[in-house]
């Protein structure tokens, strides 16, 4: 299953308040939303601050820190959207 991750930076590298959102969401393969959070944080060579907080509907939030600042991520399933664009899944006309 794939999960869509949206990241928002809360601070810049100097620790100054700074709100910046990634231009595009990230897709991560994982078995659950918290596992996707951990995989994303590891892939970004960042540090997970606390743990991932699971939400109803296989969603999660987490806070991380990297050399670029502190950020929050929101994770939700993306597999349905990916599956819908595959040619073999399209309905016949």
PDB file of N, CA and C in Angstrom:
ATOM      1  N   UNK A   1       0.842  -1.161   0.000  1.00  0.00           N
ATOM      2  CA  UNK A   1       0.000   0.000   0.000  1.00  0.00           C
ATOM      3  C   UNK A   1       0.898   1.239   0.000  1.00  0.00           C
ATOM      4  N   UNK A   2       0.443   2.271  -0.696  1.00  0.00           N
ATOM      5  CA  UNK A   2       1.168   3.539  -0.713  1.00  0.00           C
ATOM      6  C   UNK A   2       0.445   4.564   0.141  1.00  0.00           C
ATOM      7  N   UNK A   3       1.237   5.440   0.749  1.00  0.00           N
ATOM      8  CA  UNK A   3       0.711   6.525   1.572  1.00  0.00           C
ATOM      9  C   UNK A   3       1.201   7.853   1.023  1.00  0.00           C
ATOM     10  N   UNK A   4       0.306   8.824   1.031  1.00  0.00           N
ATOM     11  CA  UNK A   4       0.639  10.182   0.600  1.00  0.00           C
ATOM     12  C   UNK A   4       1.059  10.971   1.832  1.00  0.00           C
ATOM     13  N   UNK A   5       2.175  11.660   1.729  1.00  0.00           N
ATOM     14  CA  UNK A   5       2.689  12.451   2.842  1.00  0.00           C
ATOM     15  C   UNK A   5       2.811  13.897   2.398  1.00  0.00           C
ATOM     16  N   UNK A   6       2.204  14.781   3.178  1.00  0.00           N
ATOM     17  CA  UNK A   6       2.310  16.223   2.952  1.00  0.00           C
ATOM     18  C   UNK A   6       3.110  16.811   4.103  1.00  0.00           C
ATOM     19  N   UNK A   7       4.148  17.584   3.753  1.00  0.00           N
ATOM     20  CA  UNK A   7       5.040  18.142   4.774  1.00  0.00           C
ATOM     21  C   UNK A   7       4.945  19.661   4.812  1.00  0.00           C
ATOM     22  N   UNK A   8       4.910  20.206   6.018  1.00  0.00           N
ATOM     23  CA  UNK A   8       4.935  21.650   6.247  1.00  0.00           C
ATOM     24  C   UNK A   8       6.057  21.960   7.227  1.00  0.00           C
ATOM     25  N   UNK A   9       6.991  22.802   6.812  1.00  0.00           N
ATOM     26  CA  UNK A   9       8.054  23.243   7.711  1.00  0.00           C
ATOM     27  C   UNK A   9       7.517  24.334   8.620  1.00  0.00           C
ATOM     28  N   UNK A  10       7.836  24.232   9.914  1.00  0.00           N
ATOM     29  CA  UNK A  10       7.419  25.227  10.901  1.00  0.00           C
ATOM     30  C   UNK A  10       8.532  26.211  11.214  1.00  0.00           C
ATOM     31  N   UNK A  11       9.782  25.773  11.060  1.00  0.00           N
ATOM     32  CA  UNK A  11      10.931  26.646  11.287  1.00  0.00           C
ATOM     33  C   UNK A  11      11.928  26.447  10.158  1.00  0.00           C
ATOM     34  N   UNK A  12      12.828  27.411  10.022  1.00  0.00           N
ATOM     35  CA  UNK A  12      13.920  27.243   9.069  1.00  0.00           C
ATOM     36  C   UNK A  12      15.117  26.635   9.796  1.00  0.00           C
ATOM     37  N   UNK A  13      16.247  26.517   9.128  1.00  0.00           N
ATOM     38  CA  UNK A  13      17.426  25.875   9.703  1.00  0.00           C
ATOM     39  C   UNK A  13      17.963  26.623  10.924  1.00  0.00           C
ATOM     40  N   UNK A  14      17.689  27.917  11.005  1.00  0.00           N
ATOM     41  CA  UNK A  14      18.158  28.720  12.142  1.00  0.00           C
ATOM     42  C   UNK A  14      17.179  28.696  13.317  1.00  0.00           C
ATOM     43  N   UNK A  15      16.053  28.015  13.170  1.00  0.00           N
ATOM     44  CA  UNK A  15      15.064  27.942  14.234  1.00  0.00           C
ATOM     45  C   UNK A  15      14.054  29.072  14.225  1.00  0.00           C
ATOM     46  N   UNK A  16      14.134  29.941  13.228  1.00  0.00           N
ATOM     47  CA  UNK A  16      13.170  31.034  13.119  1.00  0.00           C
ATOM     48  C   UNK A  16      11.849  30.510  12.568  1.00  0.00           C
ATOM     49  N   UNK A  17      10.750  31.062  13.065  1.00  0.00           N
ATOM     50  CA  UNK A  17       9.422  30.656  12.613  1.00  0.00           C
ATOM     51  C   UNK A  17       9.296  30.880  11.113  1.00  0.00           C
ATOM     52  N   UNK A  18       8.860  29.824  10.442  1.00  0.00           N
ATOM     53  CA  UNK A  18       8.821  29.886   8.974  1.00  0.00           C
ATOM     54  C   UNK A  18       7.866  28.803   8.478  1.00  0.00           C
ATOM     55  N   UNK A  19       6.811  29.188   7.812  1.00  0.00           N
ATOM     56  CA  UNK A  19       5.846  28.215   7.307  1.00  0.00           C
ATOM     57  C   UNK A  19       6.085  28.014   5.814  1.00  0.00           C
ATOM     58  N   UNK A  20       6.499  26.784   5.466  1.00  0.00           N
ATOM     59  CA  UNK A  20       6.761  26.461   4.056  1.00  0.00           C
ATOM     60  C   UNK A  20       6.243  25.048   3.794  1.00  0.00           C
ATOM     61  N   UNK A  21       5.463  24.893   2.741  1.00  0.00           N
ATOM     62  CA  UNK A  21       4.883  23.602   2.385  1.00  0.00           C
ATOM     63  C   UNK A  21       5.615  23.060   1.164  1.00  0.00           C
ATOM     64  N   UNK A  22       5.906  21.753   1.167  1.00  0.00           N
ATOM     65  CA  UNK A  22       6.513  21.129  -0.014  1.00  0.00           C
ATOM     66  C   UNK A  22       5.582  21.315  -1.210  1.00  0.00           C
ATOM     67  N   UNK A  23       6.169  21.531  -2.385  1.00  0.00           N
ATOM     68  CA  UNK A  23       5.384  21.789  -3.596  1.00  0.00           C
ATOM     69  C   UNK A  23       4.510  20.597  -3.991  1.00  0.00           C
ATOM     70  N   UNK A  24       5.004  19.388  -3.765  1.00  0.00           N
ATOM     71  CA  UNK A  24       4.266  18.182  -4.146  1.00  0.00           C
ATOM     72  C   UNK A  24       4.243  17.214  -2.963  1.00  0.00           C
ATOM     73  N   UNK A  25       3.198  16.400  -2.867  1.00  0.00           N
ATOM     74  CA  UNK A  25       3.200  15.372  -1.813  1.00  0.00           C
ATOM     75  C   UNK A  25       4.210  14.271  -2.133  1.00  0.00           C
ATOM     76  N   UNK A  26       4.572  13.521  -1.133  1.00  0.00           N
ATOM     77  CA  UNK A  26       5.497  12.398  -1.272  1.00  0.00           C
ATOM     78  C   UNK A  26       4.692  11.106  -1.191  1.00  0.00           C
ATOM     79  N   UNK A  27       5.087  10.077  -1.920  1.00  0.00           N
ATOM     80  CA  UNK A  27       4.455   8.760  -1.850  1.00  0.00           C
ATOM     81  C   UNK A  27       5.445   7.771  -1.243  1.00  0.00           C
ATOM     82  N   UNK A  28       4.964   7.017  -0.244  1.00  0.00           N
ATOM     83  CA  UNK A  28       5.824   6.082   0.481  1.00  0.00           C
ATOM     84  C   UNK A  28       5.109   4.739   0.591  1.00  0.00           C
ATOM     85  N   UNK A  29       5.765   3.633   0.212  1.00  0.00           N
ATOM     86  CA  UNK A  29       5.162   2.318   0.427  1.00  0.00           C
ATOM     87  C   UNK A  29       5.330   1.915   1.899  1.00  0.00           C
ATOM     88  N   UNK A  30       4.268   1.407   2.504  1.00  0.00           N
ATOM     89  CA  UNK A  30       4.324   0.977   3.905  1.00  0.00           C
ATOM     90  C   UNK A  30       3.093   0.140   4.222  1.00  0.00           C
ATOM     91  N   UNK A  31       3.100  -0.469   5.407  1.00  0.00           N
ATOM     92  CA  UNK A  31       1.984  -1.310   5.839  1.00  0.00           C
ATOM     93  C   UNK A  31       0.956  -0.554   6.665  1.00  0.00           C
ATOM     94  N   UNK A  32       1.307   0.660   7.132  1.00  0.00           N
ATOM     95  CA  UNK A  32       0.384   1.482   7.917  1.00  0.00           C
ATOM     96  C   UNK A  32       0.840   2.933   7.844  1.00  0.00           C
ATOM     97  N   UNK A  33      -0.043   3.837   8.248  1.00  0.00           N
ATOM     98  CA  UNK A  33       0.313   5.258   8.228  1.00  0.00           C
ATOM     99  C   UNK A  33       1.487   5.553   9.167  1.00  0.00           C
ATOM    100  N   UNK A  34       1.503   5.039  10.412  1.00  0.00           N
ATOM    101  CA  UNK A  34       2.669   5.279  11.265  1.00  0.00           C
ATOM    102  C   UNK A  34       3.970   4.707  10.679  1.00  0.00           C
ATOM    103  N   UNK A  35       3.888   3.548  10.021  1.00  0.00           N
ATOM    104  CA  UNK A  35       5.070   2.971   9.378  1.00  0.00           C
ATOM    105  C   UNK A  35       5.533   3.851   8.221  1.00  0.00           C
ATOM    106  N   UNK A  36       4.592   4.449   7.488  1.00  0.00           N
ATOM    107  CA  UNK A  36       4.947   5.367   6.405  1.00  0.00           C
ATOM    108  C   UNK A  36       5.651   6.598   6.960  1.00  0.00           C
ATOM    109  N   UNK A  37       5.190   7.101   8.103  1.00  0.00           N
ATOM    110  CA  UNK A  37       5.838   8.252   8.745  1.00  0.00           C
ATOM    111  C   UNK A  37       7.283   7.917   9.087  1.00  0.00           C
ATOM    112  N   UNK A  38       7.494   6.754   9.703  1.00  0.00           N
ATOM    113  CA  UNK A  38       8.847   6.341  10.082  1.00  0.00           C
ATOM    114  C   UNK A  38       9.738   6.172   8.850  1.00  0.00           C
ATOM    115  N   UNK A  39       9.211   5.577   7.781  1.00  0.00           N
ATOM    116  CA  UNK A  39       9.987   5.376   6.557  1.00  0.00           C
ATOM    117  C   UNK A  39      10.347   6.712   5.910  1.00  0.00           C
ATOM    118  N   UNK A  40       9.406   7.640   5.891  1.00  0.00           N
ATOM    119  CA  UNK A  40       9.658   8.954   5.306  1.00  0.00           C
ATOM    120  C   UNK A  40      10.736   9.688   6.093  1.00  0.00           C
ATOM    121  N   UNK A  41      10.608   9.696   7.421  1.00  0.00           N
ATOM    122  CA  UNK A  41      11.580  10.382   8.275  1.00  0.00           C
ATOM    123  C   UNK A  41      12.973   9.784   8.050  1.00  0.00           C
ATOM    124  N   UNK A  42      13.069   8.457   8.007  1.00  0.00           N
ATOM    125  CA  UNK A  42      14.358   7.801   7.780  1.00  0.00           C
ATOM    126  C   UNK A  42      14.916   8.152   6.402  1.00  0.00           C
ATOM    127  N   UNK A  43      14.048   8.143   5.391  1.00  0.00           N
ATOM    128  CA  UNK A  43      14.478   8.466   4.036  1.00  0.00           C
ATOM    129  C   UNK A  43      14.962   9.896   3.883  1.00  0.00           C
ATOM    130  N   UNK A  44      14.443  10.783   4.696  1.00  0.00           N
ATOM    131  CA  UNK A  44      14.845  12.193   4.663  1.00  0.00           C
ATOM    132  C   UNK A  44      16.052  12.450   5.561  1.00  0.00           C
ATOM    133  N   UNK A  45      16.573  11.413   6.196  1.00  0.00           N
ATOM    134  CA  UNK A  45      17.675  11.522   7.159  1.00  0.00           C
ATOM    135  C   UNK A  45      17.350  12.565   8.221  1.00  0.00           C
ATOM    136  N   UNK A  46      16.117  12.503   8.702  1.00  0.00           N
ATOM    137  CA  UNK A  46      15.624  13.419   9.723  1.00  0.00           C
ATOM    138  C   UNK A  46      15.438  12.650  11.031  1.00  0.00           C
ATOM    139  N   UNK A  47      15.045  13.353  12.066  1.00  0.00           N
ATOM    140  CA  UNK A  47      14.807  12.767  13.369  1.00  0.00           C
ATOM    141  C   UNK A  47      13.328  12.888  13.696  1.00  0.00           C
ATOM    142  N   UNK A  48      12.719  11.798  14.096  1.00  0.00           N
ATOM    143  CA  UNK A  48      11.323  11.805  14.527  1.00  0.00           C
ATOM    144  C   UNK A  48      11.270  12.381  15.927  1.00  0.00           C
ATOM    145  N   UNK A  49      10.482  13.420  16.135  1.00  0.00           N
ATOM    146  CA  UNK A  49      10.331  14.053  17.445  1.00  0.00           C
ATOM    147  C   UNK A  49       9.083  13.482  18.097  1.00  0.00           C
ATOM    148  N   UNK A  50       9.262  12.610  19.066  1.00  0.00           N
ATOM    149  CA  UNK A  50       8.130  11.899  19.653  1.00  0.00           C
ATOM    150  C   UNK A  50       7.800  10.714  18.771  1.00  0.00           C
ATOM    151  N   UNK A  51       6.528  10.378  18.683  1.00  0.00           N
ATOM    152  CA  UNK A  51       6.095   9.271  17.835  1.00  0.00           C
ATOM    153  C   UNK A  51       5.065   9.740  16.840  1.00  0.00           C
ATOM    154  N   UNK A  52       4.720   8.875  15.922  1.00  0.00           N
ATOM    155  CA  UNK A  52       3.643   9.171  14.976  1.00  0.00           C
ATOM    156  C   UNK A  52       2.316   8.985  15.709  1.00  0.00           C
ATOM    157  N   UNK A  53       1.407   9.907  15.526  1.00  0.00           N
ATOM    158  CA  UNK A  53       0.081   9.826  16.144  1.00  0.00           C
ATOM    159  C   UNK A  53      -0.908   9.280  15.135  1.00  0.00           C
ATOM    160  N   UNK A  54      -1.425   8.089  15.386  1.00  0.00           N
ATOM    161  CA  UNK A  54      -2.406   7.490  14.493  1.00  0.00           C
ATOM    162  C   UNK A  54      -3.754   8.176  14.604  1.00  0.00           C
ATOM    163  N   UNK A  55      -4.438   8.296  13.491  1.00  0.00           N
ATOM    164  CA  UNK A  55      -5.763   8.904  13.425  1.00  0.00           C
ATOM    165  C   UNK A  55      -6.725   7.911  12.790  1.00  0.00           C
ATOM    166  N   UNK A  56      -8.023   8.052  13.038  1.00  0.00           N
ATOM    167  CA  UNK A  56      -8.992   7.141  12.410  1.00  0.00           C
ATOM    168  C   UNK A  56      -8.875   7.172  10.882  1.00  0.00           C
ATOM    169  N   UNK A  57      -9.141   6.040  10.258  1.00  0.00           N
ATOM    170  CA  UNK A  57      -9.099   5.960   8.799  1.00  0.00           C
ATOM    171  C   UNK A  57      -7.713   5.705   8.257  1.00  0.00           C
ATOM    172  N   UNK A  58      -6.824   5.084   9.048  1.00  0.00           N
ATOM    173  CA  UNK A  58      -5.453   4.784   8.626  1.00  0.00           C
ATOM    174  C   UNK A  58      -4.727   6.048   8.191  1.00  0.00           C
ATOM    175  N   UNK A  59      -4.750   7.054   9.060  1.00  0.00           N
ATOM    176  CA  UNK A  59      -4.046   8.319   8.853  1.00  0.00           C
ATOM    177  C   UNK A  59      -3.143   8.547  10.050  1.00  0.00           C
ATOM    178  N   UNK A  60      -2.195   9.467   9.922  1.00  0.00           N
ATOM    179  CA  UNK A  60      -1.302   9.775  11.033  1.00  0.00           C
ATOM    180  C   UNK A  60      -0.697  11.157  10.846  1.00  0.00           C
ATOM    181  N   UNK A  61      -0.168  11.680  11.932  1.00  0.00           N
ATOM    182  CA  UNK A  61       0.635  12.899  11.900  1.00  0.00           C
ATOM    183  C   UNK A  61       1.922  12.621  12.657  1.00  0.00           C
ATOM    184  N   UNK A  62       2.960  13.372  12.338  1.00  0.00           N
ATOM    185  CA  UNK A  62       4.228  13.238  13.042  1.00  0.00           C
ATOM    186  C   UNK A  62       4.996  14.547  12.895  1.00  0.00           C
ATOM    187  N   UNK A  63       5.930  14.742  13.805  1.00  0.00           N
ATOM    188  CA  UNK A  63       6.802  15.915  13.782  1.00  0.00           C
ATOM    189  C   UNK A  63       8.235  15.431  13.623  1.00  0.00           C
ATOM    190  N   UNK A  64       8.990  16.112  12.775  1.00  0.00           N
ATOM    191  CA  UNK A  64      10.367  15.737  12.533  1.00  0.00           C
ATOM    192  C   UNK A  64      11.281  16.947  12.505  1.00  0.00           C
ATOM    193  N   UNK A  65      12.565  16.680  12.550  1.00  0.00           N
ATOM    194  CA  UNK A  65      13.573  17.737  12.507  1.00  0.00           C
ATOM    195  C   UNK A  65      14.697  17.294  11.580  1.00  0.00           C
ATOM    196  N   UNK A  66      15.148  18.223  10.766  1.00  0.00           N
ATOM    197  CA  UNK A  66      16.277  17.962   9.869  1.00  0.00           C
ATOM    198  C   UNK A  66      17.136  19.211   9.829  1.00  0.00           C
ATOM    199  N   UNK A  67      18.173  19.185   9.034  1.00  0.00           N
ATOM    200  CA  UNK A  67      19.034  20.355   8.876  1.00  0.00           C
ATOM    201  C   UNK A  67      18.322  21.542   8.267  1.00  0.00           C
ATOM    202  N   UNK A  68      17.134  21.299   7.717  1.00  0.00           N
ATOM    203  CA  UNK A  68      16.362  22.390   7.094  1.00  0.00           C
ATOM    204  C   UNK A  68      15.314  22.964   8.026  1.00  0.00           C
ATOM    205  N   UNK A  69      15.149  22.390   9.222  1.00  0.00           N
ATOM    206  CA  UNK A  69      14.202  22.928  10.198  1.00  0.00           C
ATOM    207  C   UNK A  69      13.294  21.857  10.773  1.00  0.00           C
ATOM    208  N   UNK A  70      12.312  22.318  11.535  1.00  0.00           N
ATOM    209  CA  UNK A  70      11.313  21.437  12.135  1.00  0.00           C
ATOM    210  C   UNK A  70      10.094  21.401  11.220  1.00  0.00           C
ATOM    211  N   UNK A  71       9.503  20.204  11.051  1.00  0.00           N
ATOM    212  CA  UNK A  71       8.355  20.068  10.160  1.00  0.00           C
ATOM    213  C   UNK A  71       7.321  19.128  10.756  1.00  0.00           C
ATOM    214  N   UNK A  72       6.111  19.249  10.258  1.00  0.00           N
ATOM    215  CA  UNK A  72       5.048  18.293  10.579  1.00  0.00           C
ATOM    216  C   UNK A  72       4.659  17.610   9.270  1.00  0.00           C
ATOM    217  N   UNK A  73       4.237  16.347   9.394  1.00  0.00           N
ATOM    218  CA  UNK A  73       3.760  15.632   8.218  1.00  0.00           C
ATOM    219  C   UNK A  73       2.379  15.061   8.505  1.00  0.00           C
ATOM    220  N   UNK A  74       1.565  15.013   7.471  1.00  0.00           N
ATOM    221  CA  UNK A  74       0.249  14.383   7.530  1.00  0.00           C
ATOM    222  C   UNK A  74       0.274  13.232   6.547  1.00  0.00           C
ATOM    223  N   UNK A  75      -0.129  12.056   7.012  1.00  0.00           N
ATOM    224  CA  UNK A  75      -0.045  10.832   6.220  1.00  0.00           C
ATOM    225  C   UNK A  75      -1.433  10.250   6.027  1.00  0.00           C
ATOM    226  N   UNK A  76      -1.765   9.855   4.790  1.00  0.00           N
ATOM    227  CA  UNK A  76      -3.019   9.171   4.508  1.00  0.00           C
ATOM    228  C   UNK A  76      -2.815   8.214   3.344  1.00  0.00           C
ATOM    229  N   UNK A  77      -3.714   7.243   3.222  1.00  0.00           N
ATOM    230  CA  UNK A  77      -3.615   6.270   2.130  1.00  0.00           C
ATOM    231  C   UNK A  77      -3.677   6.964   0.777  1.00  0.00           C
ATOM    232  N   UNK A  78      -2.861   6.482  -0.137  1.00  0.00           N
ATOM    233  CA  UNK A  78      -2.859   7.015  -1.500  1.00  0.00           C
ATOM    234  C   UNK A  78      -3.085   5.911  -2.512  1.00  0.00           C
ATOM    235  N   UNK A  79      -3.178   4.669  -2.096  1.00  0.00           N
ATOM    236  CA  UNK A  79      -3.263   3.533  -3.017  1.00  0.00           C
ATOM    237  C   UNK A  79      -4.470   3.612  -3.937  1.00  0.00           C
ATOM    238  N   UNK A  80      -5.594   4.094  -3.436  1.00  0.00           N
ATOM    239  CA  UNK A  80      -6.783   4.164  -4.279  1.00  0.00           C
ATOM    240  C   UNK A  80      -6.554   5.080  -5.474  1.00  0.00           C
ATOM    241  N   UNK A  81      -5.901   6.203  -5.253  1.00  0.00           N
ATOM    242  CA  UNK A  81      -5.632   7.135  -6.348  1.00  0.00           C
ATOM    243  C   UNK A  81      -4.647   6.546  -7.339  1.00  0.00           C
ATOM    244  N   UNK A  82      -3.635   5.860  -6.846  1.00  0.00           N
ATOM    245  CA  UNK A  82      -2.647   5.244  -7.733  1.00  0.00           C
ATOM    246  C   UNK A  82      -3.293   4.124  -8.539  1.00  0.00           C
ATOM    247  N   UNK A  83      -4.088   3.300  -7.896  1.00  0.00           N
ATOM    248  CA  UNK A  83      -4.733   2.174  -8.564  1.00  0.00           C
ATOM    249  C   UNK A  83      -5.654   2.670  -9.677  1.00  0.00           C
ATOM    250  N   UNK A  84      -6.334   3.772  -9.480  1.00  0.00           N
ATOM    251  CA  UNK A  84      -7.290   4.261 -10.462  1.00  0.00           C
ATOM    252  C   UNK A  84      -6.645   4.694 -11.775  1.00  0.00           C
ATOM    253  N   UNK A  85      -5.372   5.028 -11.788  1.00  0.00           N
ATOM    254  CA  UNK A  85      -4.743   5.495 -13.022  1.00  0.00           C
ATOM    255  C   UNK A  85      -4.064   4.381 -13.809  1.00  0.00           C
ATOM    256  N   UNK A  86      -4.003   3.197 -13.285  1.00  0.00           N
ATOM    257  CA  UNK A  86      -3.403   2.085 -14.018  1.00  0.00           C
ATOM    258  C   UNK A  86      -4.314   1.659 -15.166  1.00  0.00           C
ATOM    259  N   UNK A  87      -3.740   1.447 -16.344  1.00  0.00           N
ATOM    260  CA  UNK A  87      -4.571   1.091 -17.516  1.00  0.00           C
ATOM    261  C   UNK A  87      -5.426  -0.144 -17.301  1.00  0.00           C
ATOM    262  N   UNK A  88      -4.918  -1.158 -16.599  1.00  0.00           N
ATOM    263  CA  UNK A  88      -5.674  -2.382 -16.429  1.00  0.00           C
ATOM    264  C   UNK A  88      -6.879  -2.194 -15.519  1.00  0.00           C
ATOM    265  N   UNK A  89      -6.961  -1.085 -14.804  1.00  0.00           N
ATOM    266  CA  UNK A  89      -8.070  -0.802 -13.895  1.00  0.00           C
ATOM    267  C   UNK A  89      -9.146   0.084 -14.515  1.00  0.00           C
ATOM    268  N   UNK A  90      -8.857   0.621 -15.686  1.00  0.00           N
ATOM    269  CA  UNK A  90      -9.822   1.511 -16.318  1.00  0.00           C
ATOM    270  C   UNK A  90     -11.005   0.712 -16.878  1.00  0.00           C
ATOM    271  N   UNK A  91     -12.193   1.257 -16.756  1.00  0.00           N
ATOM    272  CA  UNK A  91     -13.357   0.541 -17.310  1.00  0.00           C
ATOM    273  C   UNK A  91     -13.314   0.519 -18.833  1.00  0.00           C
ATOM    274  N   UNK A  92     -13.871  -0.508 -19.424  1.00  0.00           N
ATOM    275  CA  UNK A  92     -13.940  -0.603 -20.876  1.00  0.00           C
ATOM    276  C   UNK A  92     -14.955   0.389 -21.411  1.00  0.00           C
ATOM    277  N   UNK A  93     -14.649   0.940 -22.565  1.00  0.00           N
ATOM    278  CA  UNK A  93     -15.582   1.900 -23.201  1.00  0.00           C
ATOM    279  C   UNK A  93     -16.417   1.217 -24.245  1.00  0.00           C
TER     280      UNK A  93
END
